[in-house]
Protein backbone atom coordinates (compact mmCIF):
# COMPACT_ATOMS: atom_id res chain seq x y z
CA MET A 1 126.15 63.98 106.99
CA ARG A 2 128.45 63.96 103.98
CA ILE A 3 128.97 60.22 104.31
CA ALA A 4 125.23 59.57 104.28
CA ARG A 5 124.76 61.90 101.32
CA ALA A 6 127.54 60.10 99.41
CA ALA A 7 125.22 57.09 99.06
CA LEU A 8 123.28 59.08 96.42
CA PHE A 9 126.23 59.23 94.02
CA PRO A 10 127.77 56.51 91.82
CA THR A 11 130.70 54.51 93.15
CA ILE A 12 133.62 53.76 90.87
CA SER A 13 136.42 51.46 91.94
CA ALA A 14 139.50 50.07 90.24
CA ALA A 15 142.18 47.63 91.33
CA PRO A 16 145.01 47.72 88.79
CA SER A 17 147.81 45.17 89.10
CA ILE A 18 151.00 44.15 87.37
CA THR A 19 152.38 40.62 87.69
CA ASN A 20 155.91 39.72 86.60
CA SER A 21 156.87 36.05 86.32
CA ARG A 22 159.76 34.10 84.94
CA THR A 23 159.89 30.44 84.03
CA SER A 24 163.00 28.34 84.09
CA ALA A 25 164.44 26.97 80.88
CA ASN A 26 165.16 23.70 82.70
CA LEU A 27 161.50 23.12 83.60
CA VAL A 28 160.26 19.77 82.50
CA ASN A 29 156.56 19.30 82.04
CA ASN A 30 154.18 16.92 80.42
CA GLN A 31 153.57 19.15 77.42
CA ALA A 32 155.14 18.77 74.06
CA ARG A 33 158.55 20.39 73.80
CA GLY A 34 157.39 22.94 71.25
CA SER A 35 154.53 24.40 73.26
CA PHE A 36 156.70 25.45 76.21
CA ILE A 37 158.51 28.79 75.92
CA PRO A 38 160.80 29.72 78.82
CA GLY A 39 161.40 33.37 79.79
CA ALA A 40 159.87 36.41 81.50
CA ARG A 41 156.25 37.34 81.29
CA THR A 42 154.34 40.44 82.48
CA ASP A 43 150.56 40.51 82.94
CA TYR A 44 148.68 43.81 83.21
CA THR A 45 145.14 43.83 84.60
CA LEU A 46 142.81 46.77 85.12
CA PRO A 47 139.49 45.60 86.51
CA ALA A 48 137.04 48.47 87.03
CA ARG A 49 133.62 48.50 88.65
CA SER A 50 130.88 51.09 88.65
CA VAL A 51 127.80 50.98 90.87
CA ILE A 52 124.92 53.41 90.49
CA PRO A 53 122.68 53.25 93.55
CA GLY A 54 118.98 53.10 93.01
CA ASP A 55 116.92 54.79 95.68
CA ILE A 56 113.63 53.29 94.56
CA TRP A 57 112.03 53.12 98.01
CA GLY A 58 113.66 56.31 99.34
CA SER A 59 115.73 54.52 101.98
CA VAL A 60 118.89 56.48 101.14
CA ARG A 61 117.08 59.81 101.43
CA ARG A 62 115.47 58.74 104.71
CA ASN A 63 118.90 57.71 105.98
CA ILE A 64 120.27 61.14 105.04
CA ARG A 65 117.40 62.86 106.84
CA ALA A 66 117.88 60.63 109.91
CA THR A 67 121.61 61.40 109.93
CA ALA A 68 120.90 65.14 109.75
CA GLU A 69 118.39 64.91 112.59
CA SER A 70 120.83 62.85 114.67
CA ALA A 71 123.53 65.49 114.12
CA GLN A 72 121.08 68.20 115.14
CA ALA A 73 120.15 66.24 118.30
CA SER A 74 123.84 65.81 119.17
CA ALA A 75 124.41 69.54 118.74
CA ALA A 76 121.42 70.25 120.99
CA GLN A 77 122.77 67.88 123.66
CA LEU A 78 126.16 69.59 123.51
CA GLU A 79 124.54 73.01 123.86
CA ASN A 80 122.41 71.71 126.75
CA ALA A 81 125.53 70.44 128.54
CA ARG A 82 127.28 73.77 127.94
CA LEU A 83 124.27 75.69 129.28
CA SER A 84 124.06 73.42 132.35
CA PHE A 85 127.75 73.99 133.06
CA GLN A 86 127.34 77.76 132.71
CA ALA A 87 124.31 77.73 135.03
CA GLU A 88 126.20 75.74 137.64
CA LEU A 89 129.17 78.08 137.33
CA ALA A 90 126.93 81.12 137.81
CA GLN A 91 125.26 79.47 140.80
CA ASP A 92 128.64 78.73 142.39
CA TYR A 93 129.77 82.30 141.67
CA PHE A 94 126.78 83.81 143.45
CA GLN A 95 127.08 81.33 146.31
CA LEU A 96 130.75 82.21 146.77
CA HIS A 97 130.11 85.94 146.77
CA GLY A 98 127.11 85.49 149.06
CA THR A 99 129.40 83.57 151.41
CA ASP A 100 131.86 86.49 151.30
CA ARG A 101 129.11 88.88 152.40
CA ASP A 102 127.97 86.46 155.12
CA GLU A 103 131.56 86.24 156.35
CA GLU A 104 131.82 90.03 156.59
CA LEU A 105 128.53 90.14 158.49
CA LEU A 106 129.61 87.40 160.92
CA GLU A 107 132.96 89.12 161.53
CA THR A 108 131.08 92.28 162.45
CA THR A 109 128.72 90.24 164.63
CA VAL A 110 131.65 88.58 166.46
CA LYS A 111 133.18 92.03 167.16
CA SER A 112 129.84 93.27 168.46
CA TYR A 113 129.42 90.21 170.69
CA GLU A 114 132.96 90.66 172.03
CA GLU A 115 132.09 94.27 172.94
CA PHE A 116 128.78 93.10 174.45
CA LEU A 117 130.59 90.46 176.52
CA GLN A 118 133.04 93.09 177.76
CA LEU A 119 130.12 95.38 178.63
CA THR A 120 128.29 92.56 180.43
CA GLN A 121 131.44 91.68 182.41
CA ASN A 122 131.79 95.36 183.40
CA ARG A 123 128.13 95.37 184.44
CA LEU A 124 128.78 92.24 186.55
CA LYS A 125 131.70 93.99 188.30
CA SER A 126 129.48 96.95 189.11
CA GLY A 127 126.74 94.66 190.38
CA VAL A 128 124.12 95.47 187.74
CA ALA A 129 124.29 92.13 185.83
CA SER A 130 124.35 88.52 186.98
CA GLY A 131 126.71 85.66 186.19
CA GLY A 132 123.97 84.20 183.98
CA ASP A 133 124.07 87.33 181.81
CA VAL A 134 127.81 86.92 181.36
CA ALA A 135 127.41 83.21 180.52
CA GLN A 136 124.71 84.04 178.00
CA ALA A 137 126.90 86.71 176.37
CA GLN A 138 129.84 84.26 176.31
CA ALA A 139 127.67 81.53 174.71
CA GLN A 140 126.39 83.99 172.12
CA LEU A 141 129.95 84.99 171.21
CA GLU A 142 131.17 81.36 170.96
CA ASN A 143 128.16 80.45 168.80
CA ALA A 144 128.96 83.31 166.39
CA ARG A 145 132.64 82.25 166.26
CA ALA A 146 131.61 78.66 165.45
CA GLN A 147 129.34 79.91 162.66
CA LEU A 148 132.23 81.98 161.28
CA ILE A 149 134.49 78.90 161.27
CA ASP A 150 131.81 76.85 159.46
CA LEU A 151 131.32 79.61 156.91
CA ARG A 152 135.07 79.84 156.24
CA ILE A 153 135.18 76.07 155.68
CA THR A 154 132.27 76.33 153.22
CA ARG A 155 134.02 79.19 151.43
CA ALA A 156 137.27 77.20 151.22
CA GLN A 157 135.35 74.26 149.75
CA LEU A 158 133.78 76.51 147.12
CA ARG A 159 137.21 77.90 146.26
CA SER A 160 138.72 74.43 145.95
CA THR A 161 136.25 73.40 143.21
CA GLY A 162 138.45 75.15 140.66
CA LEU A 163 136.22 78.15 140.04
CA PRO A 164 137.94 80.76 137.87
CA PHE A 165 137.06 83.64 140.21
């Protein structure tokens, strides 16, 4: 923004220089002997230049406005990226904690199914239940255990994303 605005102000430049030279007394040239003077010589130059910009058609001011709007758009894009990151972080946070609650629930379910399987096996021994009931209880328990394993893998994957919680 400052660079664009600088185009409104005059520009002054200078390039000072000092040149030292020495000519040899033994130099022979085509000039008359009296016009040649051997020795040291120092030249000082100070060229200066001043440019005052004319913004007759308003192009400099439009450029300044465009630069300001571009900076504002860049700031908005940065804020949008920051907001997207925060939203994704919040989403991952809630997913992780939801997975924790699901894990607790499945652990309770597995314990209940283990007790139900034991009860069904006891009922089979007493002749009240069939082998199919025991197989069904066993399948139910194994299904819950498999879901618990899958949930723990999902939770580990969420943890490995580098979340700060």
